[in-house]
PDB file of N, CA and C in Angstrom:
ATOM      1  N   UNK A   1      -7.632  -9.789  11.948  1.00  0.00           N
ATOM      2  CA  UNK A   1      -7.018  -8.317  13.189  1.00  0.00           C
ATOM      3  C   UNK A   1      -5.524  -8.042  12.592  1.00  0.00           C
ATOM      4  N   UNK A   2      -4.773  -9.100  11.995  1.00  0.00           N
ATOM      5  CA  UNK A   2      -3.843  -8.449  11.324  1.00  0.00           C
ATOM      6  C   UNK A   2      -3.750  -7.503  10.061  1.00  0.00           C
ATOM      7  N   UNK A   3      -4.669  -7.230   9.313  1.00  0.00           N
ATOM      8  CA  UNK A   3      -5.108  -5.841   8.311  1.00  0.00           C
ATOM      9  C   UNK A   3      -5.339  -4.775   9.486  1.00  0.00           C
ATOM     10  N   UNK A   4      -6.477  -5.212  10.318  1.00  0.00           N
ATOM     11  CA  UNK A   4      -6.099  -3.837  11.387  1.00  0.00           C
ATOM     12  C   UNK A   4      -5.210  -2.627  11.553  1.00  0.00           C
ATOM     13  N   UNK A   5      -4.218  -3.769  11.652  1.00  0.00           N
ATOM     14  CA  UNK A   5      -3.017  -3.354  12.463  1.00  0.00           C
ATOM     15  C   UNK A   5      -2.236  -2.938  11.630  1.00  0.00           C
ATOM     16  N   UNK A   6      -2.362  -3.465   9.962  1.00  0.00           N
ATOM     17  CA  UNK A   6      -1.330  -2.903   8.839  1.00  0.00           C
ATOM     18  C   UNK A   6      -2.157  -1.593   8.451  1.00  0.00           C
ATOM     19  N   UNK A   7      -3.298  -2.063   8.302  1.00  0.00           N
ATOM     20  CA  UNK A   7      -4.142  -0.145   8.338  1.00  0.00           C
ATOM     21  C   UNK A   7      -3.585   0.961   9.317  1.00  0.00           C
ATOM     22  N   UNK A   8      -3.593   0.719  10.347  1.00  0.00           N
ATOM     23  CA  UNK A   8      -3.153   1.524  11.475  1.00  0.00           C
ATOM     24  C   UNK A   8      -2.170   2.150  11.000  1.00  0.00           C
ATOM     25  N   UNK A   9      -1.187   1.020  11.291  1.00  0.00           N
ATOM     26  CA  UNK A   9       0.604   1.116  11.050  1.00  0.00           C
ATOM     27  C   UNK A   9       0.744   2.126   9.806  1.00  0.00           C
ATOM     28  N   UNK A  10      -0.001   2.005   8.840  1.00  0.00           N
ATOM     29  CA  UNK A  10       0.189   2.294   7.086  1.00  0.00           C
ATOM     30  C   UNK A  10      -0.439   3.760   7.273  1.00  0.00           C
ATOM     31  N   UNK A  11      -1.512   4.227   7.716  1.00  0.00           N
ATOM     32  CA  UNK A  11      -2.080   5.847   8.255  1.00  0.00           C
ATOM     33  C   UNK A  11      -0.756   6.237   9.244  1.00  0.00           C
ATOM     34  N   UNK A  12      -0.219   5.828  10.349  1.00  0.00           N
ATOM     35  CA  UNK A  12       0.021   6.962  11.660  1.00  0.00           C
ATOM     36  C   UNK A  12       1.324   7.269  10.615  1.00  0.00           C
ATOM     37  N   UNK A  13       2.214   5.904  10.154  1.00  0.00           N
ATOM     38  CA  UNK A  13       3.721   6.047   9.177  1.00  0.00           C
ATOM     39  C   UNK A  13       3.248   7.008   8.128  1.00  0.00           C
ATOM     40  N   UNK A  14       2.452   7.052   7.429  1.00  0.00           N
ATOM     41  CA  UNK A  14       2.000   8.050   6.447  1.00  0.00           C
ATOM     42  C   UNK A  14       2.636  10.050   7.039  1.00  0.00           C
ATOM     43  N   UNK A  15       1.992   9.963   8.272  1.00  0.00           N
ATOM     44  CA  UNK A  15       2.007  11.153   8.991  1.00  0.00           C
ATOM     45  C   UNK A  15       3.385  11.365   9.309  1.00  0.00           C
ATOM     46  N   UNK A  16       4.419  10.752   9.441  1.00  0.00           N
ATOM     47  CA  UNK A  16       5.934  10.804   9.918  1.00  0.00           C
ATOM     48  C   UNK A  16       6.583  11.023   9.096  1.00  0.00           C
ATOM     49  N   UNK A  17       6.429  11.308   7.564  1.00  0.00           N
ATOM     50  CA  UNK A  17       7.560  11.298   6.640  1.00  0.00           C
ATOM     51  C   UNK A  17       7.447  12.940   6.401  1.00  0.00           C
ATOM     52  N   UNK A  18       8.633  13.450   5.949  1.00  0.00           N
ATOM     53  CA  UNK A  18       8.823  14.769   5.913  1.00  0.00           C
ATOM     54  C   UNK A  18       8.970  14.583   4.231  1.00  0.00           C
ATOM     55  N   UNK A  19       8.876  16.026   3.279  1.00  0.00           N
ATOM     56  CA  UNK A  19       9.468  15.843   2.057  1.00  0.00           C
ATOM     57  C   UNK A  19      10.661  16.754   2.068  1.00  0.00           C
ATOM     58  N   UNK A  20      11.427  15.619   1.805  1.00  0.00           N
ATOM     59  CA  UNK A  20      12.932  16.094   1.683  1.00  0.00           C
ATOM     60  C   UNK A  20      13.442  15.632   0.834  1.00  0.00           C
ATOM     61  N   UNK A  21      12.921  14.795   0.366  1.00  0.00           N
ATOM     62  CA  UNK A  21      13.335  14.035  -0.999  1.00  0.00           C
ATOM     63  C   UNK A  21      12.473  14.304  -2.169  1.00  0.00           C
ATOM     64  N   UNK A  22      12.906  13.965  -2.982  1.00  0.00           N
ATOM     65  CA  UNK A  22      11.833  14.274  -4.530  1.00  0.00           C
ATOM     66  C   UNK A  22      10.586  13.279  -4.277  1.00  0.00           C
ATOM     67  N   UNK A  23      10.297  12.534  -3.390  1.00  0.00           N
ATOM     68  CA  UNK A  23       9.191  11.597  -3.537  1.00  0.00           C
ATOM     69  C   UNK A  23       8.143  12.443  -2.748  1.00  0.00           C
ATOM     70  N   UNK A  24       6.923  11.714  -3.410  1.00  0.00           N
ATOM     71  CA  UNK A  24       5.556  12.706  -3.197  1.00  0.00           C
ATOM     72  C   UNK A  24       4.720  11.717  -2.023  1.00  0.00           C
ATOM     73  N   UNK A  25       3.867  11.996  -1.258  1.00  0.00           N
ATOM     74  CA  UNK A  25       3.367  11.405  -0.159  1.00  0.00           C
ATOM     75  C   UNK A  25       2.668   9.671  -0.534  1.00  0.00           C
ATOM     76  N   UNK A  26       1.955   9.921  -1.953  1.00  0.00           N
ATOM     77  CA  UNK A  26       2.008   8.467  -2.769  1.00  0.00           C
ATOM     78  C   UNK A  26       3.096   7.744  -2.758  1.00  0.00           C
ATOM     79  N   UNK A  27       4.147   8.294  -2.963  1.00  0.00           N
ATOM     80  CA  UNK A  27       5.267   6.936  -2.784  1.00  0.00           C
ATOM     81  C   UNK A  27       5.853   6.662  -1.914  1.00  0.00           C
ATOM     82  N   UNK A  28       5.800   7.881  -0.877  1.00  0.00           N
ATOM     83  CA  UNK A  28       6.166   7.379   0.453  1.00  0.00           C
ATOM     84  C   UNK A  28       5.090   6.499   0.970  1.00  0.00           C
ATOM     85  N   UNK A  29       3.278   6.312   0.671  1.00  0.00           N
ATOM     86  CA  UNK A  29       2.689   5.689   1.361  1.00  0.00           C
ATOM     87  C   UNK A  29       2.838   4.253   0.727  1.00  0.00           C
ATOM     88  N   UNK A  30       2.680   4.036  -0.473  1.00  0.00           N
ATOM     89  CA  UNK A  30       3.405   2.870  -1.554  1.00  0.00           C
ATOM     90  C   UNK A  30       3.941   2.449  -0.547  1.00  0.00           C
ATOM     91  N   UNK A  31       5.229   2.741  -0.352  1.00  0.00           N
ATOM     92  CA  UNK A  31       6.856   1.836  -0.075  1.00  0.00           C
ATOM     93  C   UNK A  31       6.067   1.652   1.172  1.00  0.00           C
ATOM     94  N   UNK A  32       5.087   2.650   2.348  1.00  0.00           N
ATOM     95  CA  UNK A  32       5.503   1.885   3.610  1.00  0.00           C
ATOM     96  C   UNK A  32       4.311   0.950   3.221  1.00  0.00           C
ATOM     97  N   UNK A  33       2.973   1.112   3.105  1.00  0.00           N
ATOM     98  CA  UNK A  33       2.138  -0.047   2.504  1.00  0.00           C
ATOM     99  C   UNK A  33       2.731  -1.771   2.074  1.00  0.00           C
ATOM    100  N   UNK A  34       4.152  -1.435   0.981  1.00  0.00           N
ATOM    101  CA  UNK A  34       4.334  -2.720   0.370  1.00  0.00           C
ATOM    102  C   UNK A  34       5.464  -3.125   1.680  1.00  0.00           C
ATOM    103  N   UNK A  35       6.138  -2.408   2.362  1.00  0.00           N
ATOM    104  CA  UNK A  35       7.214  -3.255   3.561  1.00  0.00           C
ATOM    105  C   UNK A  35       6.410  -3.723   4.716  1.00  0.00           C
ATOM    106  N   UNK A  36       5.100  -3.091   4.955  1.00  0.00           N
ATOM    107  CA  UNK A  36       4.206  -3.979   6.046  1.00  0.00           C
ATOM    108  C   UNK A  36       3.622  -4.590   5.320  1.00  0.00           C
ATOM    109  N   UNK A  37       3.386  -5.087   4.163  1.00  0.00           N
ATOM    110  CA  UNK A  37       3.062  -6.356   3.194  1.00  0.00           C
ATOM    111  C   UNK A  37       3.751  -7.414   3.532  1.00  0.00           C
ATOM    112  N   UNK A  38       4.972  -6.908   2.903  1.00  0.00           N
ATOM    113  CA  UNK A  38       6.034  -8.070   3.451  1.00  0.00           C
ATOM    114  C   UNK A  38       6.077  -8.394   4.268  1.00  0.00           C
ATOM    115  N   UNK A  39       6.269  -7.335   5.693  1.00  0.00           N
ATOM    116  CA  UNK A  39       6.544  -8.367   7.291  1.00  0.00           C
ATOM    117  C   UNK A  39       5.235  -9.206   7.217  1.00  0.00           C
ATOM    118  N   UNK A  40       4.106  -8.705   6.980  1.00  0.00           N
ATOM    119  CA  UNK A  40       3.025  -9.590   7.474  1.00  0.00           C
ATOM    120  C   UNK A  40       3.166 -10.907   6.601  1.00  0.00           C
ATOM    121  N   UNK A  41       4.026 -11.116   5.529  1.00  0.00           N
ATOM    122  CA  UNK A  41       3.765 -12.450   4.766  1.00  0.00           C
ATOM    123  C   UNK A  41       2.065 -12.441   4.557  1.00  0.00           C
ATOM    124  N   UNK A  42       1.823 -11.287   4.018  1.00  0.00           N
ATOM    125  CA  UNK A  42       0.830 -11.111   3.008  1.00  0.00           C
ATOM    126  C   UNK A  42       1.567 -11.152   1.506  1.00  0.00           C
ATOM    127  N   UNK A  43       0.790 -12.160   0.679  1.00  0.00           N
ATOM    128  CA  UNK A  43       1.412 -12.144  -0.640  1.00  0.00           C
ATOM    129  C   UNK A  43       0.920 -11.114  -1.553  1.00  0.00           C
ATOM    130  N   UNK A  44      -0.122 -10.208  -1.196  1.00  0.00           N
ATOM    131  CA  UNK A  44      -0.851  -9.540  -2.344  1.00  0.00           C
ATOM    132  C   UNK A  44      -1.664  -8.686  -1.647  1.00  0.00           C
ATOM    133  N   UNK A  45      -2.031  -7.672  -2.209  1.00  0.00           N
ATOM    134  CA  UNK A  45      -3.172  -6.468  -1.794  1.00  0.00           C
ATOM    135  C   UNK A  45      -3.301  -5.538  -2.743  1.00  0.00           C
ATOM    136  N   UNK A  46      -5.069  -5.357  -2.918  1.00  0.00           N
ATOM    137  CA  UNK A  46      -5.125  -3.917  -3.706  1.00  0.00           C
ATOM    138  C   UNK A  46      -5.558  -2.215  -2.888  1.00  0.00           C
ATOM    139  N   UNK A  47      -5.087  -1.726  -2.965  1.00  0.00           N
ATOM    140  CA  UNK A  47      -5.372  -0.172  -2.209  1.00  0.00           C
ATOM    141  C   UNK A  47      -5.482   0.273  -3.047  1.00  0.00           C
ATOM    142  N   UNK A  48      -7.212   1.276  -2.491  1.00  0.00           N
ATOM    143  CA  UNK A  48      -7.476   2.479  -3.223  1.00  0.00           C
ATOM    144  C   UNK A  48      -8.290   2.930  -2.006  1.00  0.00           C
ATOM    145  N   UNK A  49      -7.040   4.896  -2.071  1.00  0.00           N
ATOM    146  CA  UNK A  49      -7.235   5.520  -1.196  1.00  0.00           C
ATOM    147  C   UNK A  49      -8.005   6.671  -2.138  1.00  0.00           C
ATOM    148  N   UNK A  50      -9.615   7.476  -1.263  1.00  0.00           N
ATOM    149  CA  UNK A  50     -10.107   8.568  -1.778  1.00  0.00           C
ATOM    150  C   UNK A  50     -10.460   9.573  -0.755  1.00  0.00           C
ATOM    151  N   UNK A  51     -10.282  10.855  -1.612  1.00  0.00           N
ATOM    152  CA  UNK A  51     -10.547  12.024  -0.924  1.00  0.00           C
ATOM    153  C   UNK A  51     -12.215  12.142  -1.580  1.00  0.00           C
ATOM    154  N   UNK A  52     -13.560  12.411  -0.545  1.00  0.00           N
ATOM    155  CA  UNK A  52     -14.477  12.371  -1.184  1.00  0.00           C
ATOM    156  C   UNK A  52     -14.855  11.222  -2.445  1.00  0.00           C
ATOM    157  N   UNK A  53     -15.019  11.490  -3.465  1.00  0.00           N
ATOM    158  CA  UNK A  53     -14.979  10.951  -5.098  1.00  0.00           C
ATOM    159  C   UNK A  53     -13.787  10.652  -5.677  1.00  0.00           C
ATOM    160  N   UNK A  54     -12.837  11.472  -5.295  1.00  0.00           N
ATOM    161  CA  UNK A  54     -11.449  11.345  -6.325  1.00  0.00           C
ATOM    162  C   UNK A  54     -11.035  10.054  -5.718  1.00  0.00           C
ATOM    163  N   UNK A  55     -10.220   9.596  -6.482  1.00  0.00           N
ATOM    164  CA  UNK A  55      -9.229   8.478  -6.576  1.00  0.00           C
ATOM    165  C   UNK A  55      -7.568   9.183  -6.056  1.00  0.00           C
ATOM    166  N   UNK A  56      -7.340   9.165  -5.200  1.00  0.00           N
ATOM    167  CA  UNK A  56      -6.114   9.684  -5.132  1.00  0.00           C
ATOM    168  C   UNK A  56      -4.635   9.048  -5.408  1.00  0.00           C
ATOM    169  N   UNK A  57      -4.872   7.570  -4.929  1.00  0.00           N
ATOM    170  CA  UNK A  57      -4.085   6.356  -5.143  1.00  0.00           C
ATOM    171  C   UNK A  57      -4.711   5.133  -5.534  1.00  0.00           C
ATOM    172  N   UNK A  58      -4.534   4.681  -6.561  1.00  0.00           N
ATOM    173  CA  UNK A  58      -5.164   3.130  -6.753  1.00  0.00           C
ATOM    174  C   UNK A  58      -4.086   2.030  -7.122  1.00  0.00           C
ATOM    175  N   UNK A  59      -3.666   1.647  -6.302  1.00  0.00           N
ATOM    176  CA  UNK A  59      -2.263   0.158  -6.575  1.00  0.00           C
ATOM    177  C   UNK A  59      -2.196  -0.902  -6.025  1.00  0.00           C
ATOM    178  N   UNK A  60      -1.900  -1.825  -7.272  1.00  0.00           N
ATOM    179  CA  UNK A  60      -1.968  -3.278  -6.527  1.00  0.00           C
ATOM    180  C   UNK A  60      -0.590  -3.116  -5.994  1.00  0.00           C
ATOM    181  N   UNK A  61      -0.462  -4.701  -4.848  1.00  0.00           N
ATOM    182  CA  UNK A  61       1.047  -4.525  -4.396  1.00  0.00           C
ATOM    183  C   UNK A  61       1.303  -6.120  -4.038  1.00  0.00           C
ATOM    184  N   UNK A  62       2.320  -6.589  -4.720  1.00  0.00           N
ATOM    185  CA  UNK A  62       2.299  -8.782  -4.602  1.00  0.00           C
ATOM    186  C   UNK A  62       1.822  -8.881  -5.863  1.00  0.00           C
ATOM    187  N   UNK A  63       1.583 -10.330  -5.150  1.00  0.00           N
ATOM    188  CA  UNK A  63       1.057 -11.133  -6.503  1.00  0.00           C
ATOM    189  C   UNK A  63      -0.232 -11.314  -5.722  1.00  0.00           C
ATOM    190  N   UNK A  64      -1.310 -11.680  -6.988  1.00  0.00           N
ATOM    191  CA  UNK A  64      -2.412 -12.010  -6.893  1.00  0.00           C
ATOM    192  C   UNK A  64      -2.171 -14.149  -7.122  1.00  0.00           C
ATOM    193  N   UNK A  65      -1.109 -14.108  -8.094  1.00  0.00           N
ATOM    194  CA  UNK A  65      -0.960 -16.161  -7.715  1.00  0.00           C
ATOM    195  C   UNK A  65       1.012 -15.535  -7.689  1.00  0.00           C
ATOM    196  N   UNK A  66       1.586 -16.202  -6.866  1.00  0.00           N
ATOM    197  CA  UNK A  66       2.419 -16.375  -6.761  1.00  0.00           C
ATOM    198  C   UNK A  66       3.029 -17.409  -7.613  1.00  0.00           C
ATOM    199  N   UNK A  67       2.579 -18.642  -7.881  1.00  0.00           N
ATOM    200  CA  UNK A  67       2.930 -19.269  -8.218  1.00  0.00           C
ATOM    201  C   UNK A  67       3.055 -19.160 -10.289  1.00  0.00           C
ATOM    202  N   UNK A  68       2.494 -18.326 -10.462  1.00  0.00           N
ATOM    203  CA  UNK A  68       2.374 -17.878 -11.797  1.00  0.00           C
ATOM    204  C   UNK A  68       2.836 -16.561 -11.964  1.00  0.00           C
ATOM    205  N   UNK A  69       3.251 -15.934 -11.173  1.00  0.00           N
ATOM    206  CA  UNK A  69       3.542 -14.452 -10.551  1.00  0.00           C
ATOM    207  C   UNK A  69       2.709 -13.607 -11.349  1.00  0.00           C
ATOM    208  N   UNK A  70       1.808 -13.308 -11.193  1.00  0.00           N
ATOM    209  CA  UNK A  70       0.858 -12.290 -11.976  1.00  0.00           C
ATOM    210  C   UNK A  70       0.421 -11.633 -10.706  1.00  0.00           C
ATOM    211  N   UNK A  71       0.563 -10.369 -11.043  1.00  0.00           N
ATOM    212  CA  UNK A  71       0.690  -9.175  -9.654  1.00  0.00           C
ATOM    213  C   UNK A  71      -0.557  -8.592  -9.334  1.00  0.00           C
ATOM    214  N   UNK A  72      -0.818  -8.044  -8.192  1.00  0.00           N
ATOM    215  CA  UNK A  72      -1.885  -7.456  -7.712  1.00  0.00           C
ATOM    216  C   UNK A  72      -2.559  -6.629  -8.560  1.00  0.00           C
ATOM    217  N   UNK A  73      -3.291  -5.810  -9.780  1.00  0.00           N
ATOM    218  CA  UNK A  73      -4.004  -4.547 -10.052  1.00  0.00           C
ATOM    219  C   UNK A  73      -5.069  -4.101  -9.043  1.00  0.00           C
ATOM    220  N   UNK A  74      -4.861  -2.601  -9.532  1.00  0.00           N
ATOM    221  CA  UNK A  74      -6.538  -1.709  -8.764  1.00  0.00           C
ATOM    222  C   UNK A  74      -7.552  -2.977  -8.800  1.00  0.00           C
ATOM    223  N   UNK A  75      -7.351  -3.248 -10.044  1.00  0.00           N
ATOM    224  CA  UNK A  75      -9.026  -4.291 -10.256  1.00  0.00           C
ATOM    225  C   UNK A  75      -9.080  -5.317  -9.720  1.00  0.00           C
ATOM    226  N   UNK A  76      -8.062  -6.056  -9.182  1.00  0.00           N
ATOM    227  CA  UNK A  76      -7.987  -7.581  -8.715  1.00  0.00           C
ATOM    228  C   UNK A  76      -8.516  -7.615  -8.137  1.00  0.00           C
TER     229      UNK A  76
END
């Protein structure tokens, strides 16, 4: 259930940003994902955003192993 809430929140928050800074939509989306991950106490996750068969964003957030500080990658 928590993942559904985070997914919906991320999708909706991505629509709220205006391009008033030099940040791209991908940067804004990544920032939102990481903020929501942190707020939901999720140690790490991988996100891939596709349009048809084109990868728009592939990124890891947080840690795959907190003790060893191994970061999550898109391939995790």
